[in-house]
Amino acid sequence: MYLFFTKYFLLLGVGVLSLSACRKEEAEPSQPDYPDWYALRSPEGRAVEAVYGNVDSTLVISTQFKIYQTKDRGKTWLNSDYSAHYGVEGFLMRNDTLLALTATTSGVGAVPSTSYATSPLYYSIDQGATWKRYRDWTRKAFEPRVALNVATSPAGIEYSIDELLTPTQPSSTSYYVETIGVKSVTGNKLTLPLEHNITSIYFDRQSRLYVTASAALCGSREKFAYCGEPNGILYISKKSQP
């Protein structure tokens, strides 16, 4: 009798654990999917600021003060050992070394002007998993740098973040800035499935466009609001861009 009840409770316990495992798997949030875009959700409640890599192998993203790496299209994210108090605005690969750029600067001229990430202070030689202090005593001011709101496809076509500029006052030289998509110099326009603050764009070697952004917005300016959770989104075009 004792043996019978022992087996009964063991089987019952296994059943409960199996049911719990199934529930846990079903409860895991899935990455959103759209006809023209893959969408990878940030692992924390901040916008995605920058990206480097390839969705088919290894991707590295910055949420400013943290750097994450994924090798399975965002199903799981490795939180790197980056712990500096410098926000990471962009990435730049030099040979086999990935640099974390920690400042921004803008070009002079047209409005809107090109924004750049600059000032490399940390580097990684394992695709963004671990980071060390970087020192290059030969570099010039603001070099090296990488453009944030402009990117050139492997075919040599320049793309930029498409911005809607609204004067804050009649005849004012200051503007409200809203990012409404990505455009090319050849007239190609790409829109995202939802409204976001777009932070940067990037091309991989397969000419797929990567767009880093905030969470989806359901209000702007004085009525600024996220539609749901504040986790940013990384969009990746399913088709290669010309």
C-alpha atoms as a PDB file:
ATOM      1  CA  MET A   1       0.000   0.000   0.000  1.00  0.00           C
ATOM      2  CA  TYR A   2       2.797   2.426   0.888  1.00  0.00           C
ATOM      3  CA  LEU A   3       4.562   1.609  -2.401  1.00  0.00           C
ATOM      4  CA  PHE A   4       1.320   2.216  -4.331  1.00  0.00           C
ATOM      5  CA  PHE A   5       0.778   5.704  -2.833  1.00  0.00           C
ATOM      6  CA  THR A   6       4.450   6.578  -3.367  1.00  0.00           C
ATOM      7  CA  LYS A   7       4.182   5.749  -7.065  1.00  0.00           C
ATOM      8  CA  TYR A   8       0.857   7.598  -7.291  1.00  0.00           C
ATOM      9  CA  PHE A   9       2.271  10.831  -5.840  1.00  0.00           C
ATOM     10  CA  LEU A  10       5.421  10.548  -7.949  1.00  0.00           C
ATOM     11  CA  LEU A  11       3.324  10.243 -11.110  1.00  0.00           C
ATOM     12  CA  LEU A  12       1.101  13.095  -9.980  1.00  0.00           C
ATOM     13  CA  GLY A  13       4.152  15.270  -9.336  1.00  0.00           C
ATOM     14  CA  VAL A  14       5.573  14.524 -12.791  1.00  0.00           C
ATOM     15  CA  GLY A  15       2.222  15.432 -14.337  1.00  0.00           C
ATOM     16  CA  VAL A  16       2.089  18.746 -12.502  1.00  0.00           C
ATOM     17  CA  LEU A  17       5.655  19.596 -13.512  1.00  0.00           C
ATOM     18  CA  SER A  18       4.915  18.724 -17.132  1.00  0.00           C
ATOM     19  CA  LEU A  19       1.806  20.885 -17.097  1.00  0.00           C
ATOM     20  CA  SER A  20       3.728  23.768 -15.518  1.00  0.00           C
ATOM     21  CA  ALA A  21       6.443  23.466 -18.161  1.00  0.00           C
ATOM     22  CA  CYS A  22       3.828  23.588 -20.924  1.00  0.00           C
ATOM     23  CA  ARG A  23       2.220  26.657 -19.390  1.00  0.00           C
ATOM     24  CA  LYS A  24       5.562  28.378 -19.027  1.00  0.00           C
ATOM     25  CA  GLU A  25       6.413  27.748 -22.673  1.00  0.00           C
ATOM     26  CA  GLU A  26       3.047  29.056 -23.847  1.00  0.00           C
ATOM     27  CA  ALA A  27       3.401  32.151 -21.663  1.00  0.00           C
ATOM     28  CA  GLU A  28       6.717  33.190 -23.230  1.00  0.00           C
ATOM     29  CA  PRO A  29       6.102  36.288 -25.407  1.00  0.00           C
ATOM     30  CA  SER A  30       6.678  35.690 -29.118  1.00  0.00           C
ATOM     31  CA  GLN A  31       8.463  38.157 -31.341  1.00  0.00           C
ATOM     32  CA  PRO A  32       6.040  40.093 -33.569  1.00  0.00           C
ATOM     33  CA  ASP A  33       6.127  39.251 -37.276  1.00  0.00           C
ATOM     34  CA  TYR A  34       5.044  41.354 -40.243  1.00  0.00           C
ATOM     35  CA  PRO A  35       4.850  40.759 -44.024  1.00  0.00           C
ATOM     36  CA  ASP A  36       7.914  42.901 -44.844  1.00  0.00           C
ATOM     37  CA  TRP A  37       9.770  42.960 -41.536  1.00  0.00           C
ATOM     38  CA  TYR A  38      11.190  40.738 -38.850  1.00  0.00           C
ATOM     39  CA  ALA A  39      10.783  42.425 -35.478  1.00  0.00           C
ATOM     40  CA  LEU A  40      12.985  41.645 -32.458  1.00  0.00           C
ATOM     41  CA  ARG A  41      11.872  43.004 -29.116  1.00  0.00           C
ATOM     42  CA  SER A  42      14.457  44.536 -26.771  1.00  0.00           C
ATOM     43  CA  PRO A  43      15.088  42.439 -23.632  1.00  0.00           C
ATOM     44  CA  GLU A  44      14.540  45.498 -21.415  1.00  0.00           C
ATOM     45  CA  GLY A  45      12.220  48.473 -21.237  1.00  0.00           C
ATOM     46  CA  ARG A  46      14.356  50.872 -23.258  1.00  0.00           C
ATOM     47  CA  ALA A  47      14.711  51.793 -26.916  1.00  0.00           C
ATOM     48  CA  VAL A  48      17.199  49.963 -29.101  1.00  0.00           C
ATOM     49  CA  GLU A  49      19.883  52.533 -29.922  1.00  0.00           C
ATOM     50  CA  ALA A  50      22.256  50.679 -32.246  1.00  0.00           C
ATOM     51  CA  VAL A  51      22.831  47.309 -33.882  1.00  0.00           C
ATOM     52  CA  TYR A  52      25.657  45.399 -35.523  1.00  0.00           C
ATOM     53  CA  GLY A  53      25.913  41.943 -37.062  1.00  0.00           C
ATOM     54  CA  ASN A  54      23.671  39.608 -39.028  1.00  0.00           C
ATOM     55  CA  VAL A  55      20.272  38.202 -38.122  1.00  0.00           C
ATOM     56  CA  ASP A  56      21.280  34.785 -39.502  1.00  0.00           C
ATOM     57  CA  SER A  57      24.259  34.470 -37.142  1.00  0.00           C
ATOM     58  CA  THR A  58      25.045  36.956 -34.366  1.00  0.00           C
ATOM     59  CA  LEU A  59      23.449  40.310 -33.585  1.00  0.00           C
ATOM     60  CA  VAL A  60      24.582  42.860 -31.017  1.00  0.00           C
ATOM     61  CA  ILE A  61      22.325  45.669 -29.825  1.00  0.00           C
ATOM     62  CA  SER A  62      22.691  48.576 -27.436  1.00  0.00           C
ATOM     63  CA  THR A  63      19.953  49.882 -25.169  1.00  0.00           C
ATOM     64  CA  GLN A  64      22.401  52.672 -24.285  1.00  0.00           C
ATOM     65  CA  PHE A  65      23.808  51.451 -20.964  1.00  0.00           C
ATOM     66  CA  LYS A  66      23.564  47.733 -21.704  1.00  0.00           C
ATOM     67  CA  ILE A  67      24.765  45.633 -24.614  1.00  0.00           C
ATOM     68  CA  TYR A  68      23.040  42.390 -25.584  1.00  0.00           C
ATOM     69  CA  GLN A  69      23.930  39.591 -27.976  1.00  0.00           C
ATOM     70  CA  THR A  70      21.611  37.083 -29.661  1.00  0.00           C
ATOM     71  CA  LYS A  71      22.361  34.103 -31.882  1.00  0.00           C
ATOM     72  CA  ASP A  72      18.790  32.893 -32.352  1.00  0.00           C
ATOM     73  CA  ARG A  73      16.954  35.901 -33.821  1.00  0.00           C
ATOM     74  CA  GLY A  74      16.054  37.408 -30.476  1.00  0.00           C
ATOM     75  CA  LYS A  75      14.522  34.332 -28.864  1.00  0.00           C
ATOM     76  CA  THR A  76      17.178  34.625 -26.157  1.00  0.00           C
ATOM     77  CA  TRP A  77      19.519  37.488 -25.316  1.00  0.00           C
ATOM     78  CA  LEU A  78      22.908  37.356 -23.599  1.00  0.00           C
ATOM     79  CA  ASN A  79      23.469  40.350 -21.328  1.00  0.00           C
ATOM     80  CA  SER A  80      27.129  41.211 -21.938  1.00  0.00           C
ATOM     81  CA  ASP A  81      29.534  42.273 -19.204  1.00  0.00           C
ATOM     82  CA  TYR A  82      29.446  45.911 -20.371  1.00  0.00           C
ATOM     83  CA  SER A  83      28.928  47.933 -17.176  1.00  0.00           C
ATOM     84  CA  ALA A  84      30.437  51.358 -17.911  1.00  0.00           C
ATOM     85  CA  HIS A  85      28.540  54.569 -17.246  1.00  0.00           C
ATOM     86  CA  TYR A  86      28.869  55.613 -20.870  1.00  0.00           C
ATOM     87  CA  GLY A  87      25.834  55.219 -23.099  1.00  0.00           C
ATOM     88  CA  VAL A  88      26.596  53.249 -26.254  1.00  0.00           C
ATOM     89  CA  GLU A  89      25.255  55.155 -29.253  1.00  0.00           C
ATOM     90  CA  GLY A  90      26.692  53.030 -32.068  1.00  0.00           C
ATOM     91  CA  PHE A  91      28.983  50.192 -33.131  1.00  0.00           C
ATOM     92  CA  LEU A  92      31.881  50.080 -35.564  1.00  0.00           C
ATOM     93  CA  MET A  93      33.814  46.989 -36.692  1.00  0.00           C
ATOM     94  CA  ARG A  94      37.537  47.357 -37.356  1.00  0.00           C
ATOM     95  CA  ASN A  95      39.118  44.152 -38.619  1.00  0.00           C
ATOM     96  CA  ASP A  96      37.972  41.634 -35.983  1.00  0.00           C
ATOM     97  CA  THR A  97      37.400  44.231 -33.247  1.00  0.00           C
ATOM     98  CA  LEU A  98      33.972  45.669 -32.449  1.00  0.00           C
ATOM     99  CA  LEU A  99      34.087  49.183 -31.020  1.00  0.00           C
ATOM    100  CA  ALA A 100      31.421  50.683 -28.758  1.00  0.00           C
ATOM    101  CA  LEU A 101      30.959  54.372 -29.634  1.00  0.00           C
ATOM    102  CA  THR A 102      29.854  56.452 -26.681  1.00  0.00           C
ATOM    103  CA  ALA A 103      29.151  59.976 -27.954  1.00  0.00           C
ATOM    104  CA  THR A 104      27.233  61.672 -30.738  1.00  0.00           C
ATOM    105  CA  THR A 105      27.909  64.611 -32.991  1.00  0.00           C
ATOM    106  CA  SER A 106      26.132  66.179 -35.959  1.00  0.00           C
ATOM    107  CA  GLY A 107      27.390  67.396 -39.280  1.00  0.00           C
ATOM    108  CA  VAL A 108      27.021  71.009 -40.325  1.00  0.00           C
ATOM    109  CA  GLY A 109      24.757  72.022 -43.182  1.00  0.00           C
ATOM    110  CA  ALA A 110      21.345  70.836 -44.297  1.00  0.00           C
ATOM    111  CA  VAL A 111      18.462  70.278 -41.913  1.00  0.00           C
ATOM    112  CA  PRO A 112      18.216  67.561 -40.852  1.00  0.00           C
ATOM    113  CA  SER A 113      21.967  66.943 -40.729  1.00  0.00           C
ATOM    114  CA  THR A 114      23.780  63.629 -40.447  1.00  0.00           C
ATOM    115  CA  SER A 115      24.195  62.363 -36.887  1.00  0.00           C
ATOM    116  CA  TYR A 116      27.264  60.332 -35.972  1.00  0.00           C
ATOM    117  CA  ALA A 117      28.270  58.057 -33.135  1.00  0.00           C
ATOM    118  CA  THR A 118      31.884  58.602 -32.130  1.00  0.00           C
ATOM    119  CA  SER A 119      34.351  58.305 -29.246  1.00  0.00           C
ATOM    120  CA  PRO A 120      35.148  54.562 -28.954  1.00  0.00           C
ATOM    121  CA  LEU A 121      35.883  53.774 -25.300  1.00  0.00           C
ATOM    122  CA  TYR A 122      35.385  49.982 -25.212  1.00  0.00           C
ATOM    123  CA  TYR A 123      36.052  47.078 -27.563  1.00  0.00           C
ATOM    124  CA  SER A 124      35.055  43.440 -27.982  1.00  0.00           C
ATOM    125  CA  ILE A 125      36.727  40.581 -29.842  1.00  0.00           C
ATOM    126  CA  ASP A 126      33.963  38.028 -29.244  1.00  0.00           C
ATOM    127  CA  GLN A 127      31.097  39.701 -31.122  1.00  0.00           C
ATOM    128  CA  GLY A 128      29.916  41.770 -28.184  1.00  0.00           C
ATOM    129  CA  ALA A 129      29.809  39.206 -25.365  1.00  0.00           C
ATOM    130  CA  THR A 130      32.663  40.758 -23.338  1.00  0.00           C
ATOM    131  CA  TRP A 131      34.179  44.247 -23.357  1.00  0.00           C
ATOM    132  CA  LYS A 132      37.486  45.885 -22.445  1.00  0.00           C
ATOM    133  CA  ARG A 133      38.684  49.474 -22.226  1.00  0.00           C
ATOM    134  CA  TYR A 134      39.831  50.825 -25.596  1.00  0.00           C
ATOM    135  CA  ARG A 135      42.630  53.337 -26.055  1.00  0.00           C
ATOM    136  CA  ASP A 136      43.802  54.694 -29.391  1.00  0.00           C
ATOM    137  CA  TRP A 137      46.170  57.569 -28.815  1.00  0.00           C
ATOM    138  CA  THR A 138      46.530  58.216 -32.572  1.00  0.00           C
ATOM    139  CA  ARG A 139      42.865  58.956 -33.301  1.00  0.00           C
ATOM    140  CA  LYS A 140      41.741  62.456 -34.204  1.00  0.00           C
ATOM    141  CA  ALA A 141      38.842  64.326 -32.623  1.00  0.00           C
ATOM    142  CA  PHE A 142      35.496  62.697 -33.488  1.00  0.00           C
ATOM    143  CA  GLU A 143      37.229  59.818 -35.281  1.00  0.00           C
ATOM    144  CA  PRO A 144      36.448  57.065 -35.907  1.00  0.00           C
ATOM    145  CA  ARG A 145      32.745  57.619 -36.345  1.00  0.00           C
ATOM    146  CA  VAL A 146      29.707  55.947 -37.888  1.00  0.00           C
ATOM    147  CA  ALA A 147      26.549  57.607 -39.197  1.00  0.00           C
ATOM    148  CA  LEU A 148      23.359  56.863 -37.277  1.00  0.00           C
ATOM    149  CA  ASN A 149      20.575  58.335 -39.392  1.00  0.00           C
ATOM    150  CA  VAL A 150      22.224  57.555 -42.751  1.00  0.00           C
ATOM    151  CA  ALA A 151      23.395  54.211 -44.175  1.00  0.00           C
ATOM    152  CA  THR A 152      24.627  53.076 -47.583  1.00  0.00           C
ATOM    153  CA  SER A 153      23.499  49.764 -49.044  1.00  0.00           C
ATOM    154  CA  PRO A 154      26.088  47.357 -50.503  1.00  0.00           C
ATOM    155  CA  ALA A 155      24.902  48.543 -53.933  1.00  0.00           C
ATOM    156  CA  GLY A 156      25.970  52.087 -53.025  1.00  0.00           C
ATOM    157  CA  ILE A 157      22.494  53.599 -52.528  1.00  0.00           C
ATOM    158  CA  GLU A 158      22.198  56.011 -49.606  1.00  0.00           C
ATOM    159  CA  TYR A 159      19.273  55.631 -47.228  1.00  0.00           C
ATOM    160  CA  SER A 160      18.306  57.959 -44.383  1.00  0.00           C
ATOM    161  CA  ILE A 161      15.750  58.186 -41.606  1.00  0.00           C
ATOM    162  CA  ASP A 162      12.719  60.007 -42.980  1.00  0.00           C
ATOM    163  CA  GLU A 163      11.768  62.843 -40.649  1.00  0.00           C
ATOM    164  CA  LEU A 164       8.734  65.076 -40.447  1.00  0.00           C
ATOM    165  CA  LEU A 165       9.746  68.534 -39.196  1.00  0.00           C
ATOM    166  CA  THR A 166       7.033  70.783 -37.770  1.00  0.00           C
ATOM    167  CA  PRO A 167       7.955  74.321 -36.602  1.00  0.00           C
ATOM    168  CA  THR A 168       7.313  74.815 -32.905  1.00  0.00           C
ATOM    169  CA  GLN A 169       6.006  78.310 -33.703  1.00  0.00           C
ATOM    170  CA  PRO A 170       5.149  80.119 -36.964  1.00  0.00           C
ATOM    171  CA  SER A 171       8.394  81.243 -38.638  1.00  0.00           C
ATOM    172  CA  SER A 172      10.380  79.420 -35.944  1.00  0.00           C
ATOM    173  CA  THR A 173      13.779  77.856 -36.644  1.00  0.00           C
ATOM    174  CA  SER A 174      13.171  75.128 -34.051  1.00  0.00           C
ATOM    175  CA  TYR A 175      11.173  72.038 -34.916  1.00  0.00           C
ATOM    176  CA  TYR A 176       9.237  69.109 -33.573  1.00  0.00           C
ATOM    177  CA  VAL A 177      10.874  66.047 -35.112  1.00  0.00           C
ATOM    178  CA  GLU A 178       8.932  62.876 -35.884  1.00  0.00           C
ATOM    179  CA  THR A 179      10.505  59.861 -37.593  1.00  0.00           C
ATOM    180  CA  ILE A 180       8.115  58.412 -40.156  1.00  0.00           C
ATOM    181  CA  GLY A 181      10.213  55.756 -41.908  1.00  0.00           C
ATOM    182  CA  VAL A 182      13.281  55.329 -44.098  1.00  0.00           C
ATOM    183  CA  LYS A 183      13.895  56.775 -47.568  1.00  0.00           C
ATOM    184  CA  SER A 184      16.568  56.431 -50.231  1.00  0.00           C
ATOM    185  CA  VAL A 185      18.062  59.018 -52.559  1.00  0.00           C
ATOM    186  CA  THR A 186      16.445  57.090 -55.441  1.00  0.00           C
ATOM    187  CA  GLY A 187      12.949  57.649 -54.049  1.00  0.00           C
ATOM    188  CA  ASN A 188      12.413  54.288 -52.342  1.00  0.00           C
ATOM    189  CA  LYS A 189      10.358  54.741 -49.150  1.00  0.00           C
ATOM    190  CA  LEU A 190       9.975  52.184 -46.389  1.00  0.00           C
ATOM    191  CA  THR A 191       7.475  52.493 -43.567  1.00  0.00           C
ATOM    192  CA  LEU A 192       7.346  50.525 -40.343  1.00  0.00           C
ATOM    193  CA  PRO A 193       4.242  48.612 -39.221  1.00  0.00           C
ATOM    194  CA  LEU A 194       3.795  50.938 -36.220  1.00  0.00           C
ATOM    195  CA  GLU A 195       4.892  54.415 -35.175  1.00  0.00           C
ATOM    196  CA  HIS A 196       8.236  54.671 -33.370  1.00  0.00           C
ATOM    197  CA  ASN A 197      11.091  56.987 -32.558  1.00  0.00           C
ATOM    198  CA  ILE A 198      13.704  55.640 -34.973  1.00  0.00           C
ATOM    199  CA  THR A 199      17.223  55.880 -33.564  1.00  0.00           C
ATOM    200  CA  SER A 200      19.525  54.435 -36.266  1.00  0.00           C
ATOM    201  CA  ILE A 201      19.714  52.397 -39.488  1.00  0.00           C
ATOM    202  CA  TYR A 202      22.230  49.807 -40.689  1.00  0.00           C
ATOM    203  CA  PHE A 203      22.777  47.403 -43.616  1.00  0.00           C
ATOM    204  CA  ASP A 204      24.195  43.880 -43.482  1.00  0.00           C
ATOM    205  CA  ARG A 205      26.100  42.307 -46.373  1.00  0.00           C
ATOM    206  CA  GLN A 206      22.899  40.809 -47.774  1.00  0.00           C
ATOM    207  CA  SER A 207      21.471  44.347 -48.213  1.00  0.00           C
ATOM    208  CA  ARG A 208      18.888  43.823 -45.502  1.00  0.00           C
ATOM    209  CA  LEU A 209      17.987  47.013 -43.688  1.00  0.00           C
ATOM    210  CA  TYR A 210      18.050  47.121 -39.877  1.00  0.00           C
ATOM    211  CA  VAL A 211      16.065  49.845 -38.106  1.00  0.00           C
ATOM    212  CA  THR A 212      16.498  50.416 -34.360  1.00  0.00           C
ATOM    213  CA  ALA A 213      13.643  52.104 -32.566  1.00  0.00           C
ATOM    214  CA  SER A 214      11.701  52.797 -29.423  1.00  0.00           C
ATOM    215  CA  ALA A 215       8.607  50.881 -28.428  1.00  0.00           C
ATOM    216  CA  ALA A 216       5.497  51.556 -30.495  1.00  0.00           C
ATOM    217  CA  LEU A 217       3.996  54.990 -29.884  1.00  0.00           C
ATOM    218  CA  CYS A 218       0.321  55.792 -29.380  1.00  0.00           C
ATOM    219  CA  GLY A 219       0.905  59.482 -28.693  1.00  0.00           C
ATOM    220  CA  SER A 220       3.541  62.139 -29.319  1.00  0.00           C
ATOM    221  CA  ARG A 221       4.622  65.588 -28.085  1.00  0.00           C
ATOM    222  CA  GLU A 222       2.483  66.620 -25.107  1.00  0.00           C
ATOM    223  CA  LYS A 223       0.500  63.373 -25.338  1.00  0.00           C
ATOM    224  CA  PHE A 224       3.546  61.098 -25.567  1.00  0.00           C
ATOM    225  CA  ALA A 225       2.701  57.495 -24.674  1.00  0.00           C
ATOM    226  CA  TYR A 226       3.763  53.966 -25.526  1.00  0.00           C
ATOM    227  CA  CYS A 227       1.103  51.617 -26.845  1.00  0.00           C
ATOM    228  CA  GLY A 228       2.119  48.952 -24.323  1.00  0.00           C
ATOM    229  CA  GLU A 229       5.370  47.804 -22.770  1.00  0.00           C
ATOM    230  CA  PRO A 230       8.327  50.193 -23.226  1.00  0.00           C
ATOM    231  CA  ASN A 231      10.670  47.605 -24.772  1.00  0.00           C
ATOM    232  CA  GLY A 232      12.190  48.909 -27.980  1.00  0.00           C
ATOM    233  CA  ILE A 233      12.068  47.114 -31.325  1.00  0.00           C
ATOM    234  CA  LEU A 234      14.686  46.157 -33.900  1.00  0.00           C
ATOM    235  CA  TYR A 235      13.187  45.815 -37.386  1.00  0.00           C
ATOM    236  CA  ILE A 236      14.939  43.835 -40.130  1.00  0.00           C
ATOM    237  CA  SER A 237      13.719  43.923 -43.728  1.00  0.00           C
ATOM    238  CA  LYS A 238      12.860  40.470 -45.062  1.00  0.00           C
ATOM    239  CA  LYS A 239      13.936  41.483 -48.559  1.00  0.00           C
ATOM    240  CA  SER A 240      17.256  42.879 -49.671  1.00  0.00           C
ATOM    241  CA  GLN A 241      17.107  46.565 -50.507  1.00  0.00           C
ATOM    242  CA  PRO A 242      18.547  47.985 -53.751  1.00  0.00           C
END
